[in-house]
PDB file of N, CA and C in Angstrom:
ATOM      1  N   MET A   1     122.143  26.306  26.536  1.00  0.00           N
ATOM      2  CA  MET A   1     122.337  26.805  25.343  1.00  0.00           C
ATOM      3  C   MET A   1     121.569  26.168  24.215  1.00  0.00           C
ATOM      4  N   ILE A   2     121.221  27.077  23.379  1.00  0.00           N
ATOM      5  CA  ILE A   2     120.434  26.578  22.220  1.00  0.00           C
ATOM      6  C   ILE A   2     121.189  26.529  20.892  1.00  0.00           C
ATOM      7  N   TYR A   3     121.184  25.423  20.155  1.00  0.00           N
ATOM      8  CA  TYR A   3     122.182  25.359  19.007  1.00  0.00           C
ATOM      9  C   TYR A   3     120.948  25.006  17.629  1.00  0.00           C
ATOM     10  N   PHE A   4     121.551  25.269  16.657  1.00  0.00           N
ATOM     11  CA  PHE A   4     120.847  24.905  15.462  1.00  0.00           C
ATOM     12  C   PHE A   4     121.690  24.135  14.525  1.00  0.00           C
ATOM     13  N   LYS A   5     121.407  23.350  13.675  1.00  0.00           N
ATOM     14  CA  LYS A   5     122.120  22.932  12.665  1.00  0.00           C
ATOM     15  C   LYS A   5     121.138  22.805  11.174  1.00  0.00           C
ATOM     16  N   MET A   6     121.734  22.633  10.100  1.00  0.00           N
ATOM     17  CA  MET A   6     120.950  22.870   8.960  1.00  0.00           C
ATOM     18  C   MET A   6     120.803  21.248   8.337  1.00  0.00           C
ATOM     19  N   GLU A   7     119.693  20.864   8.081  1.00  0.00           N
ATOM     20  CA  GLU A   7     119.275  19.494   7.656  1.00  0.00           C
ATOM     21  C   GLU A   7     118.432  19.604   6.398  1.00  0.00           C
ATOM     22  N   ASN A   8     118.858  19.368   5.259  1.00  0.00           N
ATOM     23  CA  ASN A   8     118.208  19.469   4.038  1.00  0.00           C
ATOM     24  C   ASN A   8     117.567  20.705   3.643  1.00  0.00           C
ATOM     25  N   GLY A   9     118.395  21.976   4.118  1.00  0.00           N
ATOM     26  CA  GLY A   9     117.941  23.386   3.981  1.00  0.00           C
ATOM     27  C   GLY A   9     116.991  23.879   4.875  1.00  0.00           C
ATOM     28  N   VAL A  10     116.753  23.100   6.087  1.00  0.00           N
ATOM     29  CA  VAL A  10     115.728  23.361   7.045  1.00  0.00           C
ATOM     30  C   VAL A  10     116.782  23.503   8.522  1.00  0.00           C
ATOM     31  N   LYS A  11     116.203  24.604   9.280  1.00  0.00           N
ATOM     32  CA  LYS A  11     117.127  24.935  10.590  1.00  0.00           C
ATOM     33  C   LYS A  11     116.351  23.793  11.556  1.00  0.00           C
ATOM     34  N   LYS A  12     117.243  23.087  12.073  1.00  0.00           N
ATOM     35  CA  LYS A  12     116.803  22.124  13.306  1.00  0.00           C
ATOM     36  C   LYS A  12     117.534  22.602  14.624  1.00  0.00           C
ATOM     37  N   TYR A  13     116.600  22.968  15.531  1.00  0.00           N
ATOM     38  CA  TYR A  13     116.904  23.512  16.853  1.00  0.00           C
ATOM     39  C   TYR A  13     117.131  22.202  17.569  1.00  0.00           C
ATOM     40  N   THR A  14     118.544  22.147  18.468  1.00  0.00           N
ATOM     41  CA  THR A  14     118.696  21.275  19.195  1.00  0.00           C
ATOM     42  C   THR A  14     119.493  21.739  20.706  1.00  0.00           C
ATOM     43  N   LEU A  15     119.776  20.920  21.522  1.00  0.00           N
ATOM     44  CA  LEU A  15     120.541  21.249  22.795  1.00  0.00           C
ATOM     45  C   LEU A  15     121.730  20.669  22.740  1.00  0.00           C
ATOM     46  N   GLN A  16     122.198  19.761  21.730  1.00  0.00           N
ATOM     47  CA  GLN A  16     123.346  19.120  21.592  1.00  0.00           C
ATOM     48  C   GLN A  16     124.396  20.095  20.732  1.00  0.00           C
ATOM     49  N   SER A  17     125.592  20.398  21.126  1.00  0.00           N
ATOM     50  CA  SER A  17     126.413  21.228  20.374  1.00  0.00           C
ATOM     51  C   SER A  17     127.278  20.478  19.379  1.00  0.00           C
ATOM     52  N   GLU A  18     127.114  19.167  19.020  1.00  0.00           N
ATOM     53  CA  GLU A  18     127.756  18.558  18.049  1.00  0.00           C
ATOM     54  C   GLU A  18     127.319  19.164  16.846  1.00  0.00           C
ATOM     55  N   ASN A  19     128.156  19.406  15.720  1.00  0.00           N
ATOM     56  CA  ASN A  19     127.913  19.888  14.441  1.00  0.00           C
ATOM     57  C   ASN A  19     126.782  20.977  14.390  1.00  0.00           C
ATOM     58  N   ALA A  20     126.836  21.922  15.408  1.00  0.00           N
ATOM     59  CA  ALA A  20     125.701  22.889  15.419  1.00  0.00           C
ATOM     60  C   ALA A  20     126.267  24.227  15.623  1.00  0.00           C
ATOM     61  N   THR A  21     125.506  25.147  15.507  1.00  0.00           N
ATOM     62  CA  THR A  21     126.102  26.702  15.685  1.00  0.00           C
ATOM     63  C   THR A  21     125.049  27.380  16.657  1.00  0.00           C
ATOM     64  N   ILE A  22     125.777  28.002  17.608  1.00  0.00           N
ATOM     65  CA  ILE A  22     125.314  28.677  18.676  1.00  0.00           C
ATOM     66  C   ILE A  22     123.890  29.805  18.327  1.00  0.00           C
ATOM     67  N   VAL A  23     122.794  29.632  18.893  1.00  0.00           N
ATOM     68  CA  VAL A  23     121.610  30.626  18.520  1.00  0.00           C
ATOM     69  C   VAL A  23     121.875  31.693  19.449  1.00  0.00           C
ATOM     70  N   LEU A  24     121.916  31.645  20.821  1.00  0.00           N
ATOM     71  CA  LEU A  24     121.919  32.635  21.707  1.00  0.00           C
ATOM     72  C   LEU A  24     123.388  32.976  22.067  1.00  0.00           C
ATOM     73  N   PRO A  25     123.662  34.281  22.192  1.00  0.00           N
ATOM     74  CA  PRO A  25     124.997  34.573  22.489  1.00  0.00           C
ATOM     75  C   PRO A  25     125.087  34.763  23.908  1.00  0.00           C
ATOM     76  N   ALA A  26     126.373  34.730  24.502  1.00  0.00           N
ATOM     77  CA  ALA A  26     126.575  34.832  25.885  1.00  0.00           C
ATOM     78  C   ALA A  26     126.089  36.077  26.507  1.00  0.00           C
ATOM     79  N   LYS A  27     125.561  35.914  27.710  1.00  0.00           N
ATOM     80  CA  LYS A  27     124.861  36.989  28.518  1.00  0.00           C
ATOM     81  C   LYS A  27     126.104  38.246  28.724  1.00  0.00           C
ATOM     82  N   PHE A  28     127.093  37.714  29.408  1.00  0.00           N
ATOM     83  CA  PHE A  28     128.143  38.751  29.628  1.00  0.00           C
ATOM     84  C   PHE A  28     129.524  38.665  28.805  1.00  0.00           C
ATOM     85  N   SER A  29     130.143  39.539  28.449  1.00  0.00           N
ATOM     86  CA  SER A  29     131.412  39.655  27.566  1.00  0.00           C
ATOM     87  C   SER A  29     132.372  39.935  28.448  1.00  0.00           C
ATOM     88  N   ILE A  30     133.609  39.441  28.124  1.00  0.00           N
ATOM     89  CA  ILE A  30     134.833  39.801  28.880  1.00  0.00           C
ATOM     90  C   ILE A  30     134.985  41.195  29.069  1.00  0.00           C
ATOM     91  N   GLU A  31     134.843  42.112  28.097  1.00  0.00           N
ATOM     92  CA  GLU A  31     134.972  43.729  28.037  1.00  0.00           C
ATOM     93  C   GLU A  31     133.948  44.274  28.775  1.00  0.00           C
ATOM     94  N   ASP A  32     132.981  43.676  29.245  1.00  0.00           N
ATOM     95  CA  ASP A  32     131.977  44.407  29.949  1.00  0.00           C
ATOM     96  C   ASP A  32     132.233  44.607  31.511  1.00  0.00           C
ATOM     97  N   LYS A  33     132.614  45.899  31.615  1.00  0.00           N
ATOM     98  CA  LYS A  33     133.267  46.302  32.937  1.00  0.00           C
ATOM     99  C   LYS A  33     132.223  46.264  34.014  1.00  0.00           C
ATOM    100  N   TYR A  34     130.824  46.093  33.801  1.00  0.00           N
ATOM    101  CA  TYR A  34     129.955  46.075  34.821  1.00  0.00           C
ATOM    102  C   TYR A  34     129.263  44.723  35.084  1.00  0.00           C
ATOM    103  N   SER A  35     129.729  43.586  34.617  1.00  0.00           N
ATOM    104  CA  SER A  35     129.313  42.284  34.506  1.00  0.00           C
ATOM    105  C   SER A  35     129.496  41.765  35.988  1.00  0.00           C
ATOM    106  N   GLU A  36     130.879  42.108  36.500  1.00  0.00           N
ATOM    107  CA  GLU A  36     131.063  41.667  38.022  1.00  0.00           C
ATOM    108  C   GLU A  36     130.226  42.232  38.808  1.00  0.00           C
ATOM    109  N   TYR A  37     129.796  43.360  38.795  1.00  0.00           N
ATOM    110  CA  TYR A  37     129.013  43.885  39.631  1.00  0.00           C
ATOM    111  C   TYR A  37     127.590  43.560  39.569  1.00  0.00           C
ATOM    112  N   ARG A  38     127.111  43.268  38.427  1.00  0.00           N
ATOM    113  CA  ARG A  38     125.636  42.794  38.322  1.00  0.00           C
ATOM    114  C   ARG A  38     125.768  41.402  38.888  1.00  0.00           C
ATOM    115  N   ILE A  39     126.672  40.485  38.708  1.00  0.00           N
ATOM    116  CA  ILE A  39     126.763  39.170  39.262  1.00  0.00           C
ATOM    117  C   ILE A  39     126.706  39.242  40.925  1.00  0.00           C
ATOM    118  N   GLU A  40     127.598  40.013  41.375  1.00  0.00           N
ATOM    119  CA  GLU A  40     127.698  40.220  42.872  1.00  0.00           C
ATOM    120  C   GLU A  40     126.431  40.826  43.602  1.00  0.00           C
ATOM    121  N   ASN A  41     125.929  41.739  42.831  1.00  0.00           N
ATOM    122  CA  ASN A  41     124.600  42.199  43.289  1.00  0.00           C
ATOM    123  C   ASN A  41     123.449  41.052  43.308  1.00  0.00           C
ATOM    124  N   LYS A  42     123.197  40.427  42.198  1.00  0.00           N
ATOM    125  CA  LYS A  42     122.405  39.333  42.125  1.00  0.00           C
ATOM    126  C   LYS A  42     122.679  38.273  43.323  1.00  0.00           C
ATOM    127  N   LYS A  43     123.797  37.693  43.463  1.00  0.00           N
ATOM    128  CA  LYS A  43     124.090  36.889  44.435  1.00  0.00           C
ATOM    129  C   LYS A  43     123.797  37.485  45.963  1.00  0.00           C
ATOM    130  N   LYS A  44     123.924  38.917  46.136  1.00  0.00           N
ATOM    131  CA  LYS A  44     123.678  39.393  47.161  1.00  0.00           C
ATOM    132  C   LYS A  44     122.210  39.421  47.780  1.00  0.00           C
ATOM    133  N   HIS A  45     121.314  39.372  46.643  1.00  0.00           N
ATOM    134  CA  HIS A  45     119.536  39.425  46.721  1.00  0.00           C
ATOM    135  C   HIS A  45     119.077  38.183  46.325  1.00  0.00           C
ATOM    136  N   ASN A  46     120.030  37.154  46.200  1.00  0.00           N
ATOM    137  CA  ASN A  46     119.546  35.754  45.743  1.00  0.00           C
ATOM    138  C   ASN A  46     118.645  35.798  44.586  1.00  0.00           C
ATOM    139  N   ILE A  47     119.123  36.362  43.478  1.00  0.00           N
ATOM    140  CA  ILE A  47     118.686  36.256  42.327  1.00  0.00           C
ATOM    141  C   ILE A  47     119.407  35.317  41.504  1.00  0.00           C
ATOM    142  N   TYR A  48     118.946  34.459  40.554  1.00  0.00           N
ATOM    143  CA  TYR A  48     119.607  33.592  39.836  1.00  0.00           C
ATOM    144  C   TYR A  48     120.307  34.381  38.798  1.00  0.00           C
ATOM    145  N   PRO A  49     121.610  34.012  38.410  1.00  0.00           N
ATOM    146  CA  PRO A  49     122.455  34.914  37.811  1.00  0.00           C
ATOM    147  C   PRO A  49     122.128  35.266  36.351  1.00  0.00           C
ATOM    148  N   PHE A  50     121.139  34.551  35.781  1.00  0.00           N
ATOM    149  CA  PHE A  50     120.932  34.749  34.343  1.00  0.00           C
ATOM    150  C   PHE A  50     119.654  35.353  34.109  1.00  0.00           C
ATOM    151  N   ASP A  51     118.997  35.592  35.216  1.00  0.00           N
ATOM    152  CA  ASP A  51     117.470  36.306  35.037  1.00  0.00           C
ATOM    153  C   ASP A  51     118.026  37.886  34.943  1.00  0.00           C
ATOM    154  N   ASP A  52     116.967  38.421  34.431  1.00  0.00           N
ATOM    155  CA  ASP A  52     117.282  39.920  34.099  1.00  0.00           C
ATOM    156  C   ASP A  52     116.819  40.873  35.255  1.00  0.00           C
TER     157      ASP A  52
END
């Protein structure tokens, strides 16, 4: 996960979540009714779960 925090009016990107805001949203949402199917299909074909 990539985060950013403001220092002196400049965005600083970081991998630490302390005092920072998330830049990239989650890949799957809870309301997504097809996310379970995509995850199972990727496992079946040995694809990393977060690859498109």
